[in-house]
C-alpha cells in the first residue's frame, strides 16, 4: 500500500460544526414557504447532497420552479448563523499541517478523480474524510480509502452501514490515521 499524499475533507460537520445551522435553515425554509415541516433528524440526514437532491427529499411537494426561491430562503437563514459557526477542536492545528482544496456535489467521484489526475496520484495515495454516508459513498465511488468521523451529522450506526475503511472519534485519532 502507498503512503498517503492527499487527504480530502468534507467541510460541514467534519471541520466546522455547522450541522445545527444547516438543519435549522432547512426547517425554517420549509416553514417560510408554507410546506410540511421536516424533523431535525431528516434535515441532518441530507447534509452533503446538492440542492437538486435535497429539495425533493425535504420539500417533495414543492414545484421545481420554486427550487431557486427555496434555496435563497435557506441560504438567508444559514447565513444568519454564520457568526456562530465554529471549527471543531483540533481542526485548525491539523489543517496547518496540511493543504486544502474544494469539492463538487457528492457522491459523484469527478472531484476526487480530478484531484487524482491533476496531482499524479494513485487511489492508494488519497483518503476521503467525512461525517456522512455521502462522503463515504463519494470516496468509494472514486475507489479511494475512506475515514468517517463521528462528531458530525451522521450517527455512528449509519456511518458503520457504509463500511468506511476507518471510523475515528477524535481529531487526535484522525491525525494518527493520516500519519
N, C-alpha and C. Protein backbone atom coordinates (compact mmCIF):
# COMPACT_ATOMS: atom_id res chain seq x y z
N UNK A 1 0.84 -1.18 0.00
CA UNK A 1 0.00 0.00 0.00
C UNK A 1 0.89 1.25 0.00
N UNK A 2 0.52 2.27 -0.79
CA UNK A 2 1.28 3.51 -0.88
C UNK A 2 1.02 4.42 0.32
N UNK A 3 1.95 5.28 0.61
CA UNK A 3 1.77 6.29 1.65
C UNK A 3 0.79 7.35 1.13
N UNK A 4 -0.01 7.90 2.02
CA UNK A 4 -0.95 8.94 1.63
C UNK A 4 -0.20 10.19 1.19
N UNK A 5 -0.68 10.79 0.10
CA UNK A 5 -0.14 12.05 -0.36
C UNK A 5 -1.20 13.13 -0.36
N UNK A 6 -2.48 12.74 -0.14
CA UNK A 6 -3.56 13.71 -0.13
C UNK A 6 -4.68 13.23 0.78
N UNK A 7 -5.24 14.15 1.54
CA UNK A 7 -6.43 13.90 2.35
C UNK A 7 -7.49 14.89 1.90
N UNK A 8 -8.69 14.41 1.58
CA UNK A 8 -9.79 15.25 1.13
C UNK A 8 -10.82 15.30 2.25
N UNK A 9 -11.11 16.49 2.73
CA UNK A 9 -12.04 16.68 3.83
C UNK A 9 -13.38 17.20 3.35
N UNK A 10 -14.44 16.64 3.85
CA UNK A 10 -15.73 17.28 3.77
C UNK A 10 -15.65 18.50 4.69
N UNK A 11 -16.45 19.52 4.45
CA UNK A 11 -16.38 20.73 5.27
C UNK A 11 -17.41 20.72 6.40
N UNK A 12 -18.70 20.70 6.03
CA UNK A 12 -19.77 20.78 7.02
C UNK A 12 -19.85 19.51 7.85
N UNK A 13 -19.73 19.66 9.15
CA UNK A 13 -19.86 18.53 10.06
C UNK A 13 -18.57 17.75 10.27
N UNK A 14 -17.56 18.01 9.45
CA UNK A 14 -16.27 17.34 9.61
C UNK A 14 -15.25 18.32 10.16
N UNK A 15 -15.18 19.50 9.54
CA UNK A 15 -14.25 20.53 10.00
C UNK A 15 -14.95 21.61 10.82
N UNK A 16 -16.18 21.93 10.43
CA UNK A 16 -16.94 23.01 11.07
C UNK A 16 -18.24 22.44 11.64
N UNK A 17 -18.58 22.88 12.84
CA UNK A 17 -19.80 22.43 13.50
C UNK A 17 -20.99 23.21 12.93
N UNK A 18 -21.37 22.90 11.70
CA UNK A 18 -22.42 23.63 11.00
C UNK A 18 -23.71 22.83 10.89
N UNK A 19 -23.71 21.60 11.38
CA UNK A 19 -24.88 20.74 11.23
C UNK A 19 -26.15 21.37 11.81
N UNK A 20 -26.14 21.90 13.04
CA UNK A 20 -27.37 22.52 13.55
C UNK A 20 -27.85 23.68 12.68
N UNK A 21 -26.93 24.51 12.18
CA UNK A 21 -27.32 25.65 11.36
C UNK A 21 -27.92 25.20 10.03
N UNK A 22 -27.36 24.16 9.43
CA UNK A 22 -27.89 23.65 8.17
C UNK A 22 -29.29 23.07 8.38
N UNK A 23 -29.42 22.22 9.39
CA UNK A 23 -30.71 21.58 9.66
C UNK A 23 -31.78 22.63 9.98
N UNK A 24 -31.43 23.61 10.80
CA UNK A 24 -32.39 24.65 11.17
C UNK A 24 -32.75 25.50 9.95
N UNK A 25 -31.78 25.78 9.07
CA UNK A 25 -32.06 26.53 7.86
C UNK A 25 -33.07 25.83 6.97
N UNK A 26 -32.96 24.51 6.87
CA UNK A 26 -33.92 23.71 6.09
C UNK A 26 -35.30 23.79 6.73
N UNK A 27 -35.35 23.64 8.05
CA UNK A 27 -36.64 23.70 8.75
C UNK A 27 -37.30 25.07 8.57
N UNK A 28 -36.53 26.14 8.69
CA UNK A 28 -37.08 27.49 8.56
C UNK A 28 -37.50 27.79 7.12
N UNK A 29 -36.77 27.27 6.15
CA UNK A 29 -37.16 27.47 4.75
C UNK A 29 -38.51 26.80 4.49
N UNK A 30 -38.67 25.58 4.99
CA UNK A 30 -39.97 24.90 4.82
C UNK A 30 -41.09 25.71 5.47
N UNK A 31 -40.81 26.20 6.67
CA UNK A 31 -41.83 26.98 7.40
C UNK A 31 -42.20 28.24 6.62
N UNK A 32 -41.20 28.98 6.14
CA UNK A 32 -41.48 30.23 5.43
C UNK A 32 -42.25 29.99 4.14
N UNK A 33 -41.92 28.92 3.43
CA UNK A 33 -42.61 28.63 2.17
C UNK A 33 -44.01 28.07 2.43
N UNK A 34 -44.23 27.55 3.63
CA UNK A 34 -45.56 27.04 3.97
C UNK A 34 -45.76 25.59 3.58
N UNK A 35 -44.68 24.82 3.60
CA UNK A 35 -44.80 23.40 3.29
C UNK A 35 -44.54 22.58 4.55
N UNK A 36 -44.83 21.31 4.45
CA UNK A 36 -44.73 20.41 5.60
C UNK A 36 -43.35 20.51 6.25
N UNK A 37 -43.33 20.60 7.56
CA UNK A 37 -42.04 20.65 8.25
C UNK A 37 -41.32 19.31 8.18
N UNK A 38 -40.01 19.35 8.36
CA UNK A 38 -39.22 18.12 8.43
C UNK A 38 -38.57 18.07 9.81
N UNK A 39 -38.32 16.88 10.26
CA UNK A 39 -37.67 16.71 11.56
C UNK A 39 -36.20 17.14 11.46
N UNK A 40 -35.64 17.43 12.61
CA UNK A 40 -34.22 17.77 12.68
C UNK A 40 -33.39 16.61 12.15
N UNK A 41 -33.77 15.37 12.51
CA UNK A 41 -33.04 14.19 12.04
C UNK A 41 -33.10 14.05 10.52
N UNK A 42 -34.27 14.32 9.93
CA UNK A 42 -34.39 14.26 8.47
C UNK A 42 -33.52 15.34 7.83
N UNK A 43 -33.56 16.55 8.38
CA UNK A 43 -32.76 17.63 7.83
C UNK A 43 -31.27 17.29 7.93
N UNK A 44 -30.84 16.69 9.03
CA UNK A 44 -29.44 16.30 9.20
C UNK A 44 -29.03 15.23 8.19
N UNK A 45 -29.96 14.34 7.87
CA UNK A 45 -29.62 13.17 7.04
C UNK A 45 -29.24 13.52 5.61
N UNK A 46 -29.63 14.69 5.14
CA UNK A 46 -29.36 15.04 3.73
C UNK A 46 -28.16 15.96 3.58
N UNK A 47 -27.51 16.30 4.69
CA UNK A 47 -26.34 17.17 4.61
C UNK A 47 -25.27 16.48 3.78
N UNK A 48 -24.71 17.23 2.86
CA UNK A 48 -23.69 16.70 1.97
C UNK A 48 -24.18 16.54 0.54
N UNK A 49 -25.49 16.56 0.35
CA UNK A 49 -26.05 16.46 -1.00
C UNK A 49 -26.18 17.85 -1.60
N UNK A 50 -26.33 17.93 -2.91
CA UNK A 50 -26.59 19.21 -3.58
C UNK A 50 -28.06 19.58 -3.48
N UNK A 51 -28.38 20.85 -3.70
CA UNK A 51 -29.77 21.31 -3.56
C UNK A 51 -30.74 20.55 -4.46
N UNK A 52 -30.32 20.19 -5.68
CA UNK A 52 -31.21 19.45 -6.58
C UNK A 52 -31.62 18.10 -5.99
N UNK A 53 -30.75 17.55 -5.14
CA UNK A 53 -31.06 16.27 -4.49
C UNK A 53 -31.77 16.48 -3.15
N UNK A 54 -31.48 17.58 -2.47
CA UNK A 54 -32.05 17.84 -1.15
C UNK A 54 -33.53 18.21 -1.23
N UNK A 55 -33.86 19.13 -2.10
CA UNK A 55 -35.22 19.69 -2.11
C UNK A 55 -36.30 18.63 -2.33
N UNK A 56 -36.14 17.68 -3.26
CA UNK A 56 -37.18 16.66 -3.39
C UNK A 56 -37.38 15.81 -2.12
N UNK A 57 -36.37 15.75 -1.28
CA UNK A 57 -36.47 14.96 -0.05
C UNK A 57 -37.16 15.76 1.05
N UNK A 58 -36.72 17.01 1.25
CA UNK A 58 -37.25 17.81 2.37
C UNK A 58 -38.49 18.63 1.99
N UNK A 59 -38.75 18.79 0.70
CA UNK A 59 -39.90 19.55 0.22
C UNK A 59 -40.48 18.85 -1.01
N UNK A 60 -40.95 17.61 -0.85
CA UNK A 60 -41.35 16.82 -2.02
C UNK A 60 -42.50 17.40 -2.84
N UNK A 61 -43.32 18.24 -2.23
CA UNK A 61 -44.45 18.82 -2.96
C UNK A 61 -44.13 20.17 -3.60
N UNK A 62 -42.91 20.65 -3.41
CA UNK A 62 -42.53 21.95 -3.95
C UNK A 62 -42.29 21.82 -5.46
N UNK A 63 -42.96 22.66 -6.26
CA UNK A 63 -42.71 22.61 -7.71
C UNK A 63 -41.26 22.99 -8.02
N UNK A 64 -40.70 22.37 -9.03
CA UNK A 64 -39.31 22.64 -9.40
C UNK A 64 -39.08 24.11 -9.71
N UNK A 65 -40.10 24.79 -10.18
CA UNK A 65 -39.97 26.22 -10.48
C UNK A 65 -39.72 27.05 -9.22
N UNK A 66 -39.96 26.48 -8.03
CA UNK A 66 -39.75 27.17 -6.76
C UNK A 66 -38.42 26.81 -6.09
N UNK A 67 -37.63 25.94 -6.71
CA UNK A 67 -36.37 25.50 -6.10
C UNK A 67 -35.42 26.66 -5.84
N UNK A 68 -35.32 27.59 -6.77
CA UNK A 68 -34.44 28.74 -6.59
C UNK A 68 -34.86 29.58 -5.40
N UNK A 69 -36.16 29.80 -5.26
CA UNK A 69 -36.69 30.57 -4.12
C UNK A 69 -36.38 29.84 -2.81
N UNK A 70 -36.59 28.53 -2.80
CA UNK A 70 -36.30 27.74 -1.60
C UNK A 70 -34.83 27.88 -1.21
N UNK A 71 -33.95 27.73 -2.18
CA UNK A 71 -32.51 27.83 -1.91
C UNK A 71 -32.16 29.21 -1.36
N UNK A 72 -32.74 30.27 -1.93
CA UNK A 72 -32.47 31.63 -1.45
C UNK A 72 -32.90 31.81 0.00
N UNK A 73 -34.07 31.27 0.33
CA UNK A 73 -34.57 31.37 1.71
C UNK A 73 -33.65 30.60 2.66
N UNK A 74 -33.30 29.38 2.27
CA UNK A 74 -32.40 28.57 3.10
C UNK A 74 -31.08 29.31 3.33
N UNK A 75 -30.49 29.82 2.26
CA UNK A 75 -29.19 30.50 2.37
C UNK A 75 -29.30 31.70 3.31
N UNK A 76 -30.39 32.45 3.22
CA UNK A 76 -30.58 33.59 4.11
C UNK A 76 -30.55 33.14 5.58
N UNK A 77 -31.30 32.08 5.89
CA UNK A 77 -31.31 31.59 7.28
C UNK A 77 -29.95 31.03 7.69
N UNK A 78 -29.31 30.30 6.79
CA UNK A 78 -28.00 29.73 7.12
C UNK A 78 -26.98 30.84 7.40
N UNK A 79 -26.96 31.88 6.56
CA UNK A 79 -26.00 32.96 6.73
C UNK A 79 -26.22 33.73 8.03
N UNK A 80 -27.45 33.75 8.53
CA UNK A 80 -27.70 34.39 9.82
C UNK A 80 -26.95 33.68 10.94
N UNK A 81 -26.69 32.38 10.77
CA UNK A 81 -25.99 31.61 11.80
C UNK A 81 -24.48 31.64 11.61
N UNK A 82 -24.00 32.21 10.50
CA UNK A 82 -22.58 32.19 10.17
C UNK A 82 -21.66 32.64 11.30
N UNK A 83 -21.96 33.75 12.00
CA UNK A 83 -21.04 34.18 13.06
C UNK A 83 -20.88 33.17 14.20
N UNK A 84 -21.85 32.30 14.37
CA UNK A 84 -21.77 31.33 15.48
C UNK A 84 -21.10 30.02 15.08
N UNK A 85 -20.78 29.83 13.80
CA UNK A 85 -20.16 28.58 13.36
C UNK A 85 -18.72 28.50 13.88
N UNK A 86 -18.36 27.34 14.37
CA UNK A 86 -17.03 27.15 14.95
C UNK A 86 -16.37 25.91 14.37
N UNK A 87 -15.04 25.98 14.24
CA UNK A 87 -14.28 24.79 13.88
C UNK A 87 -14.36 23.80 15.04
N UNK A 88 -14.35 22.53 14.72
CA UNK A 88 -14.26 21.52 15.77
C UNK A 88 -12.88 21.62 16.42
N UNK A 89 -12.78 21.24 17.69
CA UNK A 89 -11.47 21.30 18.37
C UNK A 89 -10.41 20.50 17.61
N UNK A 90 -9.25 21.10 17.45
CA UNK A 90 -8.12 20.43 16.80
C UNK A 90 -8.05 20.60 15.30
N UNK A 91 -9.11 21.12 14.67
CA UNK A 91 -9.13 21.25 13.21
C UNK A 91 -8.06 22.23 12.73
N UNK A 92 -8.01 23.39 13.35
CA UNK A 92 -7.06 24.41 12.89
C UNK A 92 -5.63 23.89 12.95
N UNK A 93 -5.30 23.23 14.03
CA UNK A 93 -3.94 22.68 14.17
C UNK A 93 -3.66 21.64 13.09
N UNK A 94 -4.64 20.76 12.83
CA UNK A 94 -4.45 19.73 11.81
C UNK A 94 -4.29 20.36 10.42
N UNK A 95 -5.15 21.33 10.10
CA UNK A 95 -5.10 21.94 8.77
C UNK A 95 -3.83 22.75 8.56
N UNK A 96 -3.26 23.27 9.62
CA UNK A 96 -1.99 23.99 9.47
C UNK A 96 -0.90 23.06 8.95
N UNK A 97 -1.06 21.77 9.20
CA UNK A 97 -0.07 20.80 8.74
C UNK A 97 -0.36 20.30 7.33
N UNK A 98 -1.53 20.63 6.81
CA UNK A 98 -1.97 20.12 5.50
C UNK A 98 -2.28 21.28 4.57
N UNK A 99 -2.60 20.98 3.31
CA UNK A 99 -3.09 21.98 2.36
C UNK A 99 -4.52 21.63 2.00
N UNK A 100 -5.26 22.58 1.41
CA UNK A 100 -6.70 22.38 1.19
C UNK A 100 -7.10 22.61 -0.26
N UNK A 101 -8.25 22.00 -0.65
CA UNK A 101 -8.89 22.18 -1.94
C UNK A 101 -10.39 22.06 -1.71
N UNK A 102 -11.24 22.38 -2.70
CA UNK A 102 -12.68 22.33 -2.52
C UNK A 102 -13.34 21.25 -3.35
N UNK A 103 -14.66 21.02 -3.14
CA UNK A 103 -15.36 19.87 -3.70
C UNK A 103 -16.52 20.24 -4.62
N UNK A 104 -16.93 19.26 -5.43
CA UNK A 104 -18.15 19.31 -6.24
C UNK A 104 -19.21 18.49 -5.52
N UNK A 105 -20.48 18.52 -5.98
CA UNK A 105 -21.53 17.77 -5.29
C UNK A 105 -21.23 16.27 -5.19
N UNK A 106 -21.63 15.70 -4.09
CA UNK A 106 -21.41 14.28 -3.80
C UNK A 106 -22.64 13.48 -4.23
N UNK A 107 -22.52 12.21 -4.46
CA UNK A 107 -21.35 11.35 -4.39
C UNK A 107 -20.64 11.17 -5.73
N UNK A 108 -20.84 12.08 -6.66
CA UNK A 108 -20.16 11.98 -7.96
C UNK A 108 -18.64 12.00 -7.73
N UNK A 109 -17.92 11.01 -8.24
CA UNK A 109 -16.48 10.92 -7.98
C UNK A 109 -15.62 11.85 -8.83
N UNK A 110 -16.23 12.68 -9.67
CA UNK A 110 -15.46 13.53 -10.57
C UNK A 110 -14.43 14.36 -9.83
N UNK A 111 -14.81 14.96 -8.69
CA UNK A 111 -13.89 15.81 -7.94
C UNK A 111 -12.66 15.02 -7.49
N UNK A 112 -12.87 13.85 -6.92
CA UNK A 112 -11.73 13.05 -6.46
C UNK A 112 -10.90 12.55 -7.64
N UNK A 113 -11.56 12.13 -8.70
CA UNK A 113 -10.83 11.67 -9.88
C UNK A 113 -9.99 12.80 -10.48
N UNK A 114 -10.54 14.03 -10.48
CA UNK A 114 -9.79 15.18 -10.97
C UNK A 114 -8.57 15.45 -10.10
N UNK A 115 -8.76 15.37 -8.78
CA UNK A 115 -7.63 15.57 -7.87
C UNK A 115 -6.55 14.51 -8.09
N UNK A 116 -6.97 13.27 -8.28
CA UNK A 116 -6.01 12.20 -8.55
C UNK A 116 -5.20 12.50 -9.81
N UNK A 117 -5.91 12.82 -10.88
CA UNK A 117 -5.26 13.08 -12.17
C UNK A 117 -4.38 14.32 -12.11
N UNK A 118 -4.91 15.40 -11.57
CA UNK A 118 -4.18 16.66 -11.52
C UNK A 118 -2.89 16.55 -10.71
N UNK A 119 -2.92 15.71 -9.68
CA UNK A 119 -1.76 15.59 -8.79
C UNK A 119 -0.91 14.36 -9.07
N UNK A 120 -1.27 13.59 -10.10
CA UNK A 120 -0.49 12.42 -10.47
C UNK A 120 -0.47 11.37 -9.36
N UNK A 121 -1.60 11.22 -8.67
CA UNK A 121 -1.68 10.28 -7.55
C UNK A 121 -2.44 9.01 -7.95
N UNK A 122 -2.19 7.95 -7.21
CA UNK A 122 -2.96 6.72 -7.38
C UNK A 122 -4.04 6.69 -6.30
N UNK A 123 -4.99 5.79 -6.45
CA UNK A 123 -6.09 5.70 -5.49
C UNK A 123 -5.60 5.33 -4.08
N UNK A 124 -4.47 4.67 -3.98
CA UNK A 124 -3.91 4.31 -2.67
C UNK A 124 -3.28 5.50 -1.94
N UNK A 125 -3.09 6.60 -2.65
CA UNK A 125 -2.38 7.74 -2.07
C UNK A 125 -3.31 8.86 -1.61
N UNK A 126 -4.61 8.61 -1.59
CA UNK A 126 -5.58 9.63 -1.22
C UNK A 126 -6.62 9.01 -0.29
N UNK A 127 -7.15 9.81 0.60
CA UNK A 127 -8.20 9.35 1.50
C UNK A 127 -9.29 10.41 1.56
N UNK A 128 -10.54 9.97 1.57
CA UNK A 128 -11.69 10.87 1.71
C UNK A 128 -12.14 10.81 3.16
N UNK A 129 -12.26 11.98 3.81
CA UNK A 129 -12.62 12.08 5.21
C UNK A 129 -13.93 12.84 5.31
N UNK A 130 -14.91 12.27 6.00
CA UNK A 130 -16.19 12.96 6.14
C UNK A 130 -17.04 12.45 7.28
N UNK A 131 -18.18 13.15 7.46
CA UNK A 131 -19.05 12.85 8.60
C UNK A 131 -20.39 12.26 8.20
N UNK A 132 -20.60 11.98 6.91
CA UNK A 132 -21.88 11.40 6.48
C UNK A 132 -21.63 10.26 5.50
N UNK A 133 -22.69 9.51 5.25
CA UNK A 133 -22.61 8.42 4.28
C UNK A 133 -22.33 8.96 2.88
N UNK A 134 -22.72 10.20 2.61
CA UNK A 134 -22.48 10.79 1.29
C UNK A 134 -20.97 10.94 1.04
N UNK A 135 -20.23 11.28 2.09
CA UNK A 135 -18.77 11.39 1.97
C UNK A 135 -18.15 10.02 1.74
N UNK A 136 -18.65 9.02 2.45
CA UNK A 136 -18.12 7.66 2.30
C UNK A 136 -18.45 7.14 0.90
N UNK A 137 -19.68 7.38 0.44
CA UNK A 137 -20.07 6.95 -0.90
C UNK A 137 -19.21 7.63 -1.97
N UNK A 138 -18.88 8.90 -1.76
CA UNK A 138 -18.00 9.62 -2.69
C UNK A 138 -16.64 8.93 -2.77
N UNK A 139 -16.05 8.67 -1.62
CA UNK A 139 -14.75 8.01 -1.60
C UNK A 139 -14.78 6.65 -2.26
N UNK A 140 -15.80 5.87 -1.94
CA UNK A 140 -15.91 4.53 -2.51
C UNK A 140 -16.14 4.60 -4.03
N UNK A 141 -16.94 5.57 -4.48
CA UNK A 141 -17.19 5.72 -5.92
C UNK A 141 -15.90 6.03 -6.67
N UNK A 142 -14.99 6.75 -6.01
CA UNK A 142 -13.70 7.07 -6.64
C UNK A 142 -12.66 5.98 -6.40
N UNK A 143 -12.99 5.01 -5.56
CA UNK A 143 -12.07 3.91 -5.31
C UNK A 143 -10.94 4.25 -4.35
N UNK A 144 -11.16 5.26 -3.48
CA UNK A 144 -10.11 5.65 -2.53
C UNK A 144 -10.49 5.21 -1.11
N UNK A 145 -9.51 5.24 -0.23
CA UNK A 145 -9.78 4.91 1.17
C UNK A 145 -10.70 5.96 1.78
N UNK A 146 -11.45 5.54 2.81
CA UNK A 146 -12.40 6.44 3.45
C UNK A 146 -12.23 6.39 4.97
N UNK A 147 -12.39 7.56 5.58
CA UNK A 147 -12.39 7.67 7.03
C UNK A 147 -13.63 8.45 7.43
N UNK A 148 -14.44 7.87 8.29
CA UNK A 148 -15.62 8.55 8.82
C UNK A 148 -15.28 9.13 10.18
N UNK A 149 -15.76 10.37 10.42
CA UNK A 149 -15.59 11.00 11.72
C UNK A 149 -16.95 11.01 12.42
N UNK A 150 -16.94 10.79 13.73
CA UNK A 150 -18.21 10.61 14.46
C UNK A 150 -18.76 11.89 15.06
N UNK A 151 -18.10 13.02 14.88
CA UNK A 151 -18.56 14.25 15.54
C UNK A 151 -19.44 15.12 14.66
N UNK A 152 -19.89 14.63 13.52
CA UNK A 152 -20.69 15.45 12.61
C UNK A 152 -22.15 15.06 12.54
N UNK A 153 -22.69 15.03 11.33
CA UNK A 153 -24.13 14.89 11.11
C UNK A 153 -24.66 13.47 11.30
N UNK A 154 -23.94 12.48 10.83
CA UNK A 154 -24.48 11.11 10.83
C UNK A 154 -24.16 10.37 12.13
N UNK A 155 -25.12 9.60 12.62
CA UNK A 155 -24.83 8.78 13.80
C UNK A 155 -23.90 7.62 13.43
N UNK A 156 -23.22 7.10 14.42
CA UNK A 156 -22.24 6.03 14.21
C UNK A 156 -22.84 4.85 13.45
N UNK A 157 -24.05 4.45 13.79
CA UNK A 157 -24.67 3.29 13.14
C UNK A 157 -24.82 3.50 11.64
N UNK A 158 -25.18 4.72 11.24
CA UNK A 158 -25.34 4.99 9.81
C UNK A 158 -23.98 4.98 9.12
N UNK A 159 -22.96 5.54 9.77
CA UNK A 159 -21.62 5.50 9.19
C UNK A 159 -21.14 4.07 9.02
N UNK A 160 -21.34 3.26 10.05
CA UNK A 160 -20.90 1.86 10.01
C UNK A 160 -21.55 1.11 8.86
N UNK A 161 -22.81 1.43 8.56
CA UNK A 161 -23.54 0.73 7.49
C UNK A 161 -22.88 0.92 6.13
N UNK A 162 -22.14 2.00 5.94
CA UNK A 162 -21.49 2.27 4.66
C UNK A 162 -20.05 1.78 4.62
N UNK A 163 -19.63 1.13 5.68
CA UNK A 163 -18.34 0.43 5.76
C UNK A 163 -17.14 1.27 5.32
N UNK A 164 -16.92 2.41 6.01
CA UNK A 164 -15.70 3.15 5.71
C UNK A 164 -14.48 2.32 6.11
N UNK A 165 -13.33 2.66 5.58
CA UNK A 165 -12.11 1.93 5.92
C UNK A 165 -11.73 2.14 7.38
N UNK A 166 -12.09 3.28 7.93
CA UNK A 166 -11.83 3.55 9.35
C UNK A 166 -12.89 4.50 9.86
N UNK A 167 -13.15 4.43 11.15
CA UNK A 167 -14.03 5.37 11.84
C UNK A 167 -13.22 5.93 13.00
N UNK A 168 -13.19 7.26 13.12
CA UNK A 168 -12.46 7.89 14.21
C UNK A 168 -13.41 8.73 15.04
N UNK A 169 -13.10 8.80 16.33
CA UNK A 169 -13.95 9.52 17.27
C UNK A 169 -13.33 10.82 17.78
N UNK A 170 -12.05 11.04 17.48
CA UNK A 170 -11.36 12.25 17.94
C UNK A 170 -10.45 12.78 16.84
N UNK A 171 -10.11 14.06 16.96
CA UNK A 171 -9.20 14.67 16.00
C UNK A 171 -7.82 14.03 16.12
N UNK A 172 -7.41 13.66 17.33
CA UNK A 172 -6.13 13.01 17.54
C UNK A 172 -6.09 11.65 16.83
N UNK A 173 -7.19 10.90 16.90
CA UNK A 173 -7.26 9.61 16.21
C UNK A 173 -7.18 9.82 14.70
N UNK A 174 -7.81 10.88 14.20
CA UNK A 174 -7.72 11.18 12.77
C UNK A 174 -6.29 11.50 12.39
N UNK A 175 -5.63 12.33 13.18
CA UNK A 175 -4.24 12.67 12.91
C UNK A 175 -3.37 11.42 12.84
N UNK A 176 -3.62 10.47 13.74
CA UNK A 176 -2.87 9.23 13.75
C UNK A 176 -3.10 8.44 12.46
N UNK A 177 -4.33 8.40 11.98
CA UNK A 177 -4.65 7.70 10.73
C UNK A 177 -3.98 8.34 9.53
N UNK A 178 -3.74 9.66 9.61
CA UNK A 178 -3.14 10.38 8.48
C UNK A 178 -1.62 10.34 8.50
N UNK A 179 -1.04 9.97 9.61
CA UNK A 179 0.44 9.90 9.71
C UNK A 179 0.99 8.71 8.98
